[in-house]
Protein backbone atom coordinates (compact mmCIF):
# COMPACT_ATOMS: atom_id res chain seq x y z
CA UNK A 1 241.39 102.83 186.70
CA UNK A 2 238.85 105.36 188.03
CA UNK A 3 240.45 108.00 185.76
CA UNK A 4 240.11 105.63 182.82
CA UNK A 5 236.51 104.85 183.63
CA UNK A 6 235.69 108.54 184.08
CA UNK A 7 237.29 109.34 180.67
CA UNK A 8 235.26 106.55 178.95
CA UNK A 9 232.03 108.07 180.44
CA UNK A 10 232.82 111.48 179.21
CA UNK A 11 233.58 110.14 175.73
CA UNK A 12 230.26 108.31 175.64
CA UNK A 13 228.38 111.34 176.57
CA UNK A 14 230.11 113.50 174.05
CA UNK A 15 229.42 110.92 171.35
CA UNK A 16 225.76 110.77 172.28
CA UNK A 17 225.41 114.53 172.04
CA UNK A 18 227.14 114.59 168.60
CA UNK A 19 224.71 111.97 167.34
CA UNK A 20 221.75 113.95 168.54
CA UNK A 21 222.94 117.07 166.81
CA UNK A 22 223.83 115.40 163.63
CA UNK A 23 220.38 113.67 163.33
CA UNK A 24 218.32 116.88 163.96
CA UNK A 25 216.76 118.94 161.24
CA UNK A 26 219.02 120.97 158.92
CA UNK A 27 219.24 124.64 159.85
CA UNK A 28 216.86 126.87 157.82
CA UNK A 29 218.30 129.66 155.78
CA UNK A 30 216.23 132.62 156.78
CA UNK A 31 218.01 135.19 154.65
CA UNK A 32 215.63 137.37 152.65
CA UNK A 33 215.37 136.85 148.86
CA UNK A 34 217.65 139.40 147.31
CA UNK A 35 216.03 142.16 145.39
CA UNK A 36 217.80 144.21 142.70
CA UNK A 37 218.72 147.71 143.98
CA UNK A 38 219.34 149.00 140.54
CA UNK A 39 216.85 148.64 137.63
CA UNK A 40 218.11 147.16 134.46
CA UNK A 41 218.01 144.48 131.82
CA UNK A 42 217.98 140.88 132.51
CA UNK A 43 221.27 138.97 132.07
CA UNK A 44 219.62 136.13 130.08
CA UNK A 45 216.89 137.64 128.14
CA UNK A 46 215.44 135.73 125.15
CA UNK A 47 217.13 136.87 121.86
CA UNK A 48 213.72 137.18 119.96
CA UNK A 49 212.09 139.85 122.14
CA UNK A 50 212.04 142.23 119.29
CA UNK A 51 209.87 139.89 117.34
CA UNK A 52 207.31 139.12 119.99
CA UNK A 53 203.79 139.13 118.50
CA UNK A 54 201.57 141.89 119.55
CA UNK A 55 198.86 141.03 122.12
CA UNK A 56 195.39 140.85 120.61
CA UNK A 57 193.29 143.72 122.08
CA UNK A 58 190.11 142.51 123.63
CA UNK A 59 187.41 144.12 125.89
CA UNK A 60 188.21 143.43 129.47
CA UNK A 61 186.49 144.59 132.71
CA UNK A 62 188.27 147.22 134.89
CA UNK A 63 190.57 145.74 137.43
CA UNK A 64 189.40 145.84 141.01
CA UNK A 65 192.70 147.37 141.84
CA UNK A 66 194.55 150.33 140.35
CA UNK A 67 191.51 152.37 139.32
CA UNK A 68 190.79 154.84 142.13
CA UNK A 69 188.96 158.03 141.01
CA UNK A 70 192.15 159.90 142.11
CA UNK A 71 195.36 159.00 143.81
CA UNK A 72 198.56 160.87 144.99
CA UNK A 73 202.28 159.92 144.54
CA UNK A 74 205.10 162.15 145.99
CA UNK A 75 202.62 165.04 146.61
CA UNK A 76 201.29 164.96 143.05
CA UNK A 77 197.62 164.05 142.47
CA UNK A 78 196.44 162.06 139.41
CA UNK A 79 192.85 161.43 138.17
CA UNK A 80 192.08 158.12 136.40
CA UNK A 81 190.32 158.64 133.13
CA UNK A 82 186.73 157.33 133.06
CA UNK A 83 187.33 155.95 129.56
CA UNK A 84 190.37 155.29 127.24
CA UNK A 85 188.25 156.42 124.24
CA UNK A 86 190.05 159.08 122.04
CA UNK A 87 193.18 159.07 124.17
CA UNK A 88 196.31 159.85 122.07
CA UNK A 89 199.45 161.64 123.19
CA UNK A 90 203.00 162.32 122.17
CA UNK A 91 205.74 162.29 124.78
CA UNK A 92 208.72 160.51 126.28
CA UNK A 93 208.70 156.86 127.10
CA UNK A 94 210.95 155.00 129.61
CA UNK A 95 211.17 151.38 130.66
CA UNK A 96 211.51 149.33 133.83
CA UNK A 97 213.04 145.89 134.27
CA UNK A 98 214.76 143.75 136.85
CA UNK A 99 214.06 145.78 139.89
CA UNK A 100 210.30 145.28 139.58
CA UNK A 101 210.26 141.88 137.85
CA UNK A 102 208.03 139.43 139.89
CA UNK A 103 206.51 142.22 142.05
CA UNK A 104 202.88 143.18 142.04
CA UNK A 105 201.73 145.76 139.66
CA UNK A 106 199.05 148.39 140.48
CA UNK A 107 196.38 145.90 138.90
CA UNK A 108 197.44 143.14 141.34
CA UNK A 109 198.97 141.18 138.54
CA UNK A 110 202.68 140.11 138.82
CA UNK A 111 204.99 142.19 136.55
CA UNK A 112 206.74 140.17 133.87
CA UNK A 113 209.32 142.33 132.14
CA UNK A 114 209.33 139.78 129.20
CA UNK A 115 205.71 140.47 128.29
CA UNK A 116 204.43 143.44 126.16
CA UNK A 117 202.95 145.50 129.02
CA UNK A 118 203.20 149.09 130.25
CA UNK A 119 202.49 151.59 133.07
CA UNK A 120 200.47 154.70 132.60
CA UNK A 121 199.41 157.33 135.07
CA UNK A 122 195.86 157.92 134.11
CA UNK A 123 194.46 155.36 131.52
CA UNK A 124 192.04 152.77 133.00
CA UNK A 125 193.57 149.46 133.98
CA UNK A 126 193.64 147.47 131.85
CA UNK A 127 193.85 149.34 128.58
CA UNK A 128 195.48 148.18 125.35
CA UNK A 129 197.42 150.90 123.49
CA UNK A 130 199.28 151.33 120.19
CA UNK A 131 202.79 152.71 120.89
CA UNK A 132 204.91 154.15 118.08
CA UNK A 133 208.56 155.09 118.54
CA UNK A 134 208.70 158.39 116.65
CA UNK A 135 212.37 158.21 116.28
CA UNK A 136 212.54 154.91 114.31
CA UNK A 137 208.94 154.26 113.37
CA UNK A 138 208.92 150.86 115.22
CA UNK A 139 205.63 149.98 116.86
CA UNK A 140 203.81 147.57 119.10
CA UNK A 141 200.66 147.12 121.14
CA UNK A 142 200.96 146.97 124.86
CA UNK A 143 198.55 146.07 127.70
CA UNK A 144 198.63 148.68 130.39
CA UNK A 145 198.31 147.07 133.86
CA UNK A 146 200.42 149.33 136.05
CA UNK A 147 200.81 152.90 137.17
CA UNK A 148 203.71 155.27 136.35
CA UNK A 149 206.09 156.58 135.39
CA UNK A 150 206.24 159.19 138.08
CA UNK A 151 208.87 161.38 136.49
CA UNK A 152 208.28 164.80 134.85
CA UNK A 153 208.05 164.76 131.12
CA UNK A 154 207.37 160.97 130.72
CA UNK A 155 204.00 159.67 129.63
CA UNK A 156 204.53 155.83 129.61
CA UNK A 157 206.77 153.32 131.26
CA UNK A 158 207.29 150.19 129.03
CA UNK A 159 208.19 146.72 130.07
CA UNK A 160 211.65 145.61 129.04
CA UNK A 161 210.15 143.48 126.22
CA UNK A 162 208.15 146.47 124.80
CA UNK A 163 211.27 148.64 125.11
CA UNK A 164 213.28 146.13 123.10
CA UNK A 165 210.58 145.75 120.44
CA UNK A 166 210.40 149.46 120.08
CA UNK A 167 214.19 150.06 120.12
CA UNK A 168 213.89 152.21 123.31
CA UNK A 169 216.17 150.12 125.61
CA UNK A 170 219.58 151.23 124.44
CA UNK A 171 219.12 154.91 125.31
CA UNK A 172 216.53 154.36 128.08
CA UNK A 173 214.04 156.82 126.69
CA UNK A 174 212.53 157.80 123.42
CA UNK A 175 209.82 160.03 122.05
CA UNK A 176 206.71 158.01 121.28
CA UNK A 177 203.02 158.35 120.37
CA UNK A 178 200.56 156.52 122.60
CA UNK A 179 197.00 155.73 121.19
CA UNK A 180 194.51 153.91 123.34
CA UNK A 181 192.51 151.14 121.83
CA UNK A 182 188.94 151.44 123.15
CA UNK A 183 185.89 149.22 122.84
CA UNK A 184 182.16 149.77 122.99
CA UNK A 185 181.04 147.81 125.95
CA UNK A 186 177.50 147.55 124.53
CA UNK A 187 178.69 145.37 121.81
CA UNK A 188 178.32 141.67 122.12
CA UNK A 189 178.31 138.46 120.08
CA UNK A 190 181.09 137.02 117.89
CA UNK A 191 184.38 138.80 117.72
CA UNK A 192 186.16 139.12 114.36
CA UNK A 193 189.47 140.73 113.20
CA UNK A 194 190.00 141.84 109.73
CA UNK A 195 193.24 142.72 107.92
CA UNK A 196 192.89 145.66 105.43
CA UNK A 197 196.35 145.54 104.00
CA UNK A 198 200.03 144.78 104.55
CA UNK A 199 202.91 147.03 103.67
CA UNK A 200 206.67 146.81 103.56
CA UNK A 201 207.07 150.20 105.21
CA UNK A 202 205.17 152.34 107.71
CA UNK A 203 204.01 155.19 105.30
CA UNK A 204 201.46 153.13 103.36
CA UNK A 205 200.24 151.48 106.58
CA UNK A 206 199.73 154.94 108.21
CA UNK A 207 197.86 156.26 105.27
CA UNK A 208 195.45 153.37 105.20
CA UNK A 209 195.18 153.64 109.03
CA UNK A 210 194.08 157.30 108.76
CA UNK A 211 191.60 156.47 106.09
CA UNK A 212 190.01 153.70 107.96
CA UNK A 213 189.74 155.65 111.15
CA UNK A 214 187.77 158.27 109.28
CA UNK A 215 185.25 155.77 108.16
CA UNK A 216 184.97 153.22 111.00
CA UNK A 217 184.13 153.33 114.71
CA UNK A 218 186.09 150.12 115.36
CA UNK A 219 189.61 149.94 116.59
CA UNK A 220 192.06 150.07 113.80
CA UNK A 221 195.84 149.54 114.43
CA UNK A 222 199.02 148.60 112.72
CA UNK A 223 201.00 145.52 113.89
CA UNK A 224 204.38 143.99 112.73
CA UNK A 225 204.38 140.39 112.62
CA UNK A 226 207.51 138.52 113.57
CA UNK A 227 207.69 136.25 110.53
CA UNK A 228 208.24 138.91 107.94
CA UNK A 229 208.08 142.34 109.64
CA UNK A 230 205.39 143.69 107.35
CA UNK A 231 203.23 146.52 108.60
CA UNK A 232 199.72 145.06 108.73
CA UNK A 233 196.61 147.20 109.09
CA UNK A 234 194.01 145.38 111.19
CA UNK A 235 190.48 146.20 112.36
CA UNK A 236 188.87 144.79 115.36
CA UNK A 237 187.54 143.25 117.25
CA UNK A 238 184.28 143.54 115.33
CA UNK A 239 181.28 142.23 117.25
CA UNK A 240 178.63 140.21 115.46
CA UNK A 241 177.98 138.87 111.99
CA UNK A 242 175.84 141.87 111.00
CA UNK A 243 178.50 144.34 111.96
CA UNK A 244 181.08 142.27 110.06
CA UNK A 245 178.92 142.43 106.99
CA UNK A 246 178.49 146.26 107.34
CA UNK A 247 182.32 146.81 107.58
CA UNK A 248 182.81 144.65 104.49
CA UNK A 249 180.17 146.68 102.63
CA UNK A 250 182.06 149.94 103.58
CA UNK A 251 185.15 148.52 102.00
CA UNK A 252 183.32 147.81 98.85
CA UNK A 253 181.61 151.14 98.79
CA UNK A 254 184.90 153.01 99.13
CA UNK A 255 186.85 150.81 96.71
CA UNK A 256 189.25 149.62 99.49
CA UNK A 257 189.32 146.05 98.25
CA UNK A 258 188.24 142.95 100.29
CA UNK A 259 189.57 142.77 103.80
CA UNK A 260 190.92 139.43 104.91
CA UNK A 261 189.31 137.69 107.96
CA UNK A 262 192.18 136.99 110.41
CA UNK A 263 190.25 135.29 113.17
CA UNK A 264 186.78 135.15 114.69
CA UNK A 265 184.59 133.25 117.06
């Protein structure tokens, strides 16, 4: 009987301990979030990235981050430009994707590989830039909010979305032209965008672009819209009603037709 009583006591104690353990909080998984070791394309990218509408350039203050007068990476020093005005360069573009997606960029913003952004070594952050793939004439506008690429012979690192839109992603690199879109910070008032023409191919658009750049101080760029892939030549932003009237007068004076007002506020 004593043995039976002792056995019952032991079973009671074990049952009590088991109940205490099962009613406690679930163990916490403290494993670190996995980070991609190899860079690459997303496995479930949207199918329409090649038709993303270009971001609309607008004046923005310099970021608090990413704009030191000078910085050094891997023993190489770089000096950030005081202004994006007049910057244009031909060179090799590359792209970056999953390895950096969700991480902080040099501007402090989170990198989203599905947005039309880019990294540049010396242009102010942020800067809007017109990028043309010189191998296939595809083009887009990107917002530069990061630093890089820190590889010899490369001038810009495109987001995955920008690489898809420009047709750079299959090979990984391509020869491009980068033209910064700059603004006069002294301008104020309403902002307007005019469309000077639309073309089925890049040649006509580029010819009009060159003509308008010789006549205007305002940003002029070519965009491809997702609905019909036309090459549209646009001017802006134009600040103020008086300046808008002056640009329209220049069109009339030089027999360039009547530009279409795209947006304004």
